[in-house]
């Protein structure tokens, strides 16, 4: 380490990540990490880093995540939409905001949006194609134990993470609860950080209902993502 390395600040963003949909190794409750690791290691053993990223971009449901500075305290993650049939059954996100301070802490990053949707899903009734509202929760594991785990398991020079999407299709009462935050969580403003912080309390109320205790989310998508 050079003399001046100790004075370098951590990057204000996590940069660009390329995502591999791993739902084929996920039953909705647990990832089959051994199978994921075996699959990725086999590819990395036969490809350069550039070839591997090109391979990811051609996979169905590929997503690209880019982190930007939004204002003095918040960052903005832009998210591409997946191609193929799975993408047509998911509500579009586009972007989420999160507090930049999370990048300096040993914690997961979470972003939230309430968005319009034309597809919903219920376990009993299956998919319905109708206009509604959906809460989308994006979670990025930034805890050091996860970073160390993937560094040990995979020969990738940069960071590897999980990114998860949870899609909560809102009924009338749920949307009424979250409606005050619909515009606040999608608008870059000086009050964005306050809106994000206050939303956490409402989020806890939403998931403390009998309905959500029994059936927390409607749809999900999980990615293993590789830093560019």
Protein backbone atom coordinates (compact mmCIF):
# COMPACT_ATOMS: atom_id res chain seq x y z
CA UNK A 1 0.00 0.00 0.00
CA UNK A 2 1.39 3.44 -0.95
CA UNK A 3 1.96 6.21 1.55
CA UNK A 4 -1.07 8.20 0.44
CA UNK A 5 -3.48 5.23 0.10
CA UNK A 6 -4.57 5.67 3.71
CA UNK A 7 -6.00 9.10 2.81
CA UNK A 8 -8.17 7.82 -0.02
CA UNK A 9 -11.90 7.93 0.61
CA UNK A 10 -14.18 5.09 -0.36
CA UNK A 11 -15.84 5.47 -3.73
CA UNK A 12 -19.09 7.49 -3.59
CA UNK A 13 -20.74 4.78 -5.74
CA UNK A 14 -20.36 1.03 -6.24
CA UNK A 15 -20.01 1.56 -9.99
CA UNK A 16 -21.51 -0.79 -12.58
CA UNK A 17 -22.72 -4.33 -11.88
CA UNK A 18 -23.82 -7.04 -14.31
CA UNK A 19 -26.48 -9.43 -13.06
CA UNK A 20 -27.09 -13.14 -13.58
CA UNK A 21 -30.63 -14.24 -12.72
CA UNK A 22 -30.33 -17.22 -10.38
CA UNK A 23 -33.97 -18.13 -9.87
CA UNK A 24 -33.29 -21.52 -11.46
CA UNK A 25 -31.24 -22.26 -8.33
CA UNK A 26 -33.69 -20.60 -5.91
CA UNK A 27 -36.93 -22.10 -4.60
CA UNK A 28 -38.18 -18.82 -3.14
CA UNK A 29 -36.74 -19.49 0.29
CA UNK A 30 -33.13 -20.57 -0.20
CA UNK A 31 -30.42 -20.35 -2.85
CA UNK A 32 -28.58 -23.50 -3.90
CA UNK A 33 -25.23 -21.74 -3.57
CA UNK A 34 -23.18 -24.85 -4.32
CA UNK A 35 -24.87 -25.21 -7.71
CA UNK A 36 -24.47 -21.49 -8.47
CA UNK A 37 -20.79 -21.57 -7.56
CA UNK A 38 -20.18 -24.67 -9.66
CA UNK A 39 -21.89 -23.10 -12.68
CA UNK A 40 -20.03 -19.79 -12.44
CA UNK A 41 -16.63 -21.35 -11.74
CA UNK A 42 -16.95 -23.57 -14.80
CA UNK A 43 -17.63 -20.50 -16.94
CA UNK A 44 -14.82 -18.43 -15.42
CA UNK A 45 -12.34 -21.28 -15.94
CA UNK A 46 -13.02 -21.20 -19.68
CA UNK A 47 -13.49 -17.45 -20.27
CA UNK A 48 -11.73 -14.15 -19.76
CA UNK A 49 -13.45 -11.48 -17.64
CA UNK A 50 -14.63 -9.67 -20.77
CA UNK A 51 -15.99 -12.88 -22.29
CA UNK A 52 -17.81 -13.72 -19.08
CA UNK A 53 -19.54 -10.31 -18.97
CA UNK A 54 -20.54 -10.77 -22.62
CA UNK A 55 -21.96 -14.18 -21.70
CA UNK A 56 -24.02 -12.63 -18.88
CA UNK A 57 -25.45 -9.97 -21.21
CA UNK A 58 -26.80 -12.70 -23.51
CA UNK A 59 -28.54 -14.66 -20.74
CA UNK A 60 -32.29 -14.36 -20.34
CA UNK A 61 -33.31 -11.91 -17.62
CA UNK A 62 -29.90 -10.16 -17.62
CA UNK A 63 -29.93 -6.83 -15.79
CA UNK A 64 -27.37 -4.03 -15.59
CA UNK A 65 -27.12 -1.91 -12.43
CA UNK A 66 -25.36 1.47 -12.41
CA UNK A 67 -24.87 3.55 -9.25
CA UNK A 68 -24.84 7.36 -9.46
CA UNK A 69 -24.59 10.23 -6.99
CA UNK A 70 -28.04 11.83 -6.80
CA UNK A 71 -27.49 14.65 -4.33
CA UNK A 72 -25.35 15.37 -1.28
CA UNK A 73 -26.68 12.42 0.75
CA UNK A 74 -28.41 10.02 -1.65
CA UNK A 75 -27.37 7.74 -4.50
CA UNK A 76 -29.47 6.49 -7.41
CA UNK A 77 -29.28 2.94 -8.77
CA UNK A 78 -30.52 2.65 -12.35
CA UNK A 79 -31.77 -0.79 -13.38
CA UNK A 80 -32.30 -2.18 -16.89
CA UNK A 81 -35.32 -4.34 -17.57
CA UNK A 82 -34.82 -8.07 -18.27
CA UNK A 83 -35.58 -9.53 -21.67
CA UNK A 84 -37.54 -12.70 -22.31
CA UNK A 85 -40.73 -14.10 -20.81
CA UNK A 86 -39.70 -13.58 -17.14
CA UNK A 87 -39.27 -9.87 -17.80
CA UNK A 88 -42.83 -9.61 -19.11
CA UNK A 89 -44.15 -10.97 -15.82
CA UNK A 90 -42.30 -8.43 -13.69
CA UNK A 91 -43.20 -4.84 -12.84
CA UNK A 92 -40.74 -2.27 -14.20
CA UNK A 93 -38.54 -0.49 -11.68
CA UNK A 94 -36.18 1.84 -13.56
CA UNK A 95 -34.35 3.20 -10.51
CA UNK A 96 -34.27 3.50 -6.75
CA UNK A 97 -32.60 5.89 -4.31
CA UNK A 98 -30.70 4.94 -1.16
CA UNK A 99 -28.59 6.81 1.47
CA UNK A 100 -24.96 7.04 0.31
CA UNK A 101 -23.80 6.55 3.89
CA UNK A 102 -24.70 2.86 3.49
CA UNK A 103 -21.62 2.43 1.29
CA UNK A 104 -19.35 3.17 4.27
CA UNK A 105 -21.15 0.83 6.69
CA UNK A 106 -21.20 -2.94 7.07
CA UNK A 107 -24.83 -3.25 6.06
CA UNK A 108 -27.12 -4.09 3.18
CA UNK A 109 -28.39 -1.39 0.83
CA UNK A 110 -32.15 -1.04 0.35
CA UNK A 111 -34.11 1.03 -2.13
CA UNK A 112 -37.90 1.32 -2.46
CA UNK A 113 -40.38 2.46 -5.13
CA UNK A 114 -44.17 2.40 -5.40
CA UNK A 115 -44.90 2.06 -9.12
CA UNK A 116 -47.70 1.48 -11.59
CA UNK A 117 -48.04 -2.08 -12.86
CA UNK A 118 -50.09 -4.01 -15.35
CA UNK A 119 -49.35 -7.44 -13.89
CA UNK A 120 -50.00 -8.86 -10.42
CA UNK A 121 -49.62 -12.29 -8.89
CA UNK A 122 -51.41 -14.17 -6.14
CA UNK A 123 -50.45 -17.67 -5.07
CA UNK A 124 -54.06 -18.83 -5.28
CA UNK A 125 -55.12 -17.09 -8.51
CA UNK A 126 -51.82 -16.85 -10.43
CA UNK A 127 -51.01 -13.92 -12.72
CA UNK A 128 -53.55 -11.21 -13.52
CA UNK A 129 -52.99 -8.57 -16.18
CA UNK A 130 -54.62 -5.49 -14.75
CA UNK A 131 -53.61 -2.01 -13.67
CA UNK A 132 -52.54 -1.82 -10.06
CA UNK A 133 -49.78 -0.57 -7.75
CA UNK A 134 -46.70 -2.49 -6.64
CA UNK A 135 -44.07 -1.82 -4.00
CA UNK A 136 -40.66 -2.91 -5.31
CA UNK A 137 -37.89 -3.51 -2.79
CA UNK A 138 -34.31 -3.73 -4.03
CA UNK A 139 -31.73 -5.21 -1.65
CA UNK A 140 -27.98 -5.33 -2.27
CA UNK A 141 -25.80 -7.31 0.12
CA UNK A 142 -22.87 -5.08 1.00
CA UNK A 143 -21.89 -6.80 4.23
CA UNK A 144 -18.20 -7.66 4.39
CA UNK A 145 -18.89 -11.30 5.16
CA UNK A 146 -20.69 -11.66 1.81
CA UNK A 147 -17.92 -9.86 -0.07
CA UNK A 148 -15.32 -12.13 1.55
CA UNK A 149 -17.40 -15.24 0.83
CA UNK A 150 -17.62 -14.60 -2.90
CA UNK A 151 -13.99 -13.48 -3.13
CA UNK A 152 -13.01 -16.82 -1.63
CA UNK A 153 -15.35 -18.90 -3.79
CA UNK A 154 -14.95 -17.23 -7.20
CA UNK A 155 -11.91 -16.02 -9.13
CA UNK A 156 -13.36 -12.58 -9.89
CA UNK A 157 -10.98 -9.66 -9.34
CA UNK A 158 -13.68 -7.24 -8.21
CA UNK A 159 -16.75 -7.38 -5.99
CA UNK A 160 -19.51 -9.99 -6.29
CA UNK A 161 -22.87 -9.49 -4.55
CA UNK A 162 -26.43 -10.67 -4.38
CA UNK A 163 -29.15 -8.26 -5.51
CA UNK A 164 -32.71 -9.23 -4.73
CA UNK A 165 -36.05 -7.82 -5.89
CA UNK A 166 -39.25 -8.28 -3.91
CA UNK A 167 -42.52 -7.32 -5.58
CA UNK A 168 -45.41 -6.55 -3.23
CA UNK A 169 -48.68 -6.12 -5.14
CA UNK A 170 -50.69 -3.67 -3.07
CA UNK A 171 -54.35 -3.92 -2.20
CA UNK A 172 -56.42 -0.76 -1.67
CA UNK A 173 -55.58 -0.34 2.03
CA UNK A 174 -51.88 -1.05 1.50
CA UNK A 175 -51.65 1.49 -1.29
CA UNK A 176 -53.43 4.07 0.86
CA UNK A 177 -50.74 3.53 3.51
CA UNK A 178 -47.85 3.97 1.06
CA UNK A 179 -49.35 6.58 -1.30
CA UNK A 180 -47.80 9.57 0.57
CA UNK A 181 -44.37 8.19 -0.39
CA UNK A 182 -45.09 7.34 -4.03
CA UNK A 183 -43.76 10.63 -5.42
CA UNK A 184 -41.31 11.35 -2.62
CA UNK A 185 -39.31 8.16 -3.27
CA UNK A 186 -38.96 8.85 -6.99
CA UNK A 187 -38.11 12.55 -6.91
CA UNK A 188 -34.58 13.85 -6.38
CA UNK A 189 -35.00 16.63 -3.82
CA UNK A 190 -33.30 17.93 -0.66
CA UNK A 191 -35.97 16.09 1.37
CA UNK A 192 -35.35 12.72 -0.30
CA UNK A 193 -33.25 11.37 2.58
CA UNK A 194 -35.97 12.28 5.11
CA UNK A 195 -38.63 10.59 2.97
CA UNK A 196 -36.53 7.41 2.72
CA UNK A 197 -35.98 7.37 6.51
CA UNK A 198 -39.66 7.92 7.32
CA UNK A 199 -40.67 5.23 4.86
CA UNK A 200 -38.86 2.61 6.97
CA UNK A 201 -41.39 3.05 9.79
CA UNK A 202 -44.34 2.69 7.38
CA UNK A 203 -42.64 -0.33 5.81
CA UNK A 204 -42.66 -2.05 9.21
CA UNK A 205 -46.39 -1.31 9.60
CA UNK A 206 -47.12 -2.79 6.16
CA UNK A 207 -45.45 -6.10 6.96
CA UNK A 208 -46.96 -6.34 10.43
CA UNK A 209 -50.45 -7.00 9.06
CA UNK A 210 -52.03 -10.49 9.18
CA UNK A 211 -52.04 -10.60 5.38
CA UNK A 212 -48.32 -9.89 5.02
CA UNK A 213 -47.33 -12.11 7.92
CA UNK A 214 -48.99 -14.96 6.04
CA UNK A 215 -47.98 -13.92 2.51
CA UNK A 216 -45.15 -11.33 2.65
CA UNK A 217 -44.40 -10.86 -1.05
CA UNK A 218 -46.06 -11.70 -4.36
CA UNK A 219 -43.06 -12.16 -6.66
CA UNK A 220 -39.28 -12.13 -6.39
CA UNK A 221 -36.13 -12.11 -8.49
CA UNK A 222 -32.57 -12.79 -7.32
CA UNK A 223 -29.30 -11.93 -9.05
CA UNK A 224 -25.65 -12.72 -8.55
CA UNK A 225 -23.94 -9.54 -9.77
CA UNK A 226 -20.40 -8.90 -10.88
CA UNK A 227 -18.63 -5.55 -10.63
CA UNK A 228 -17.36 -4.28 -13.96
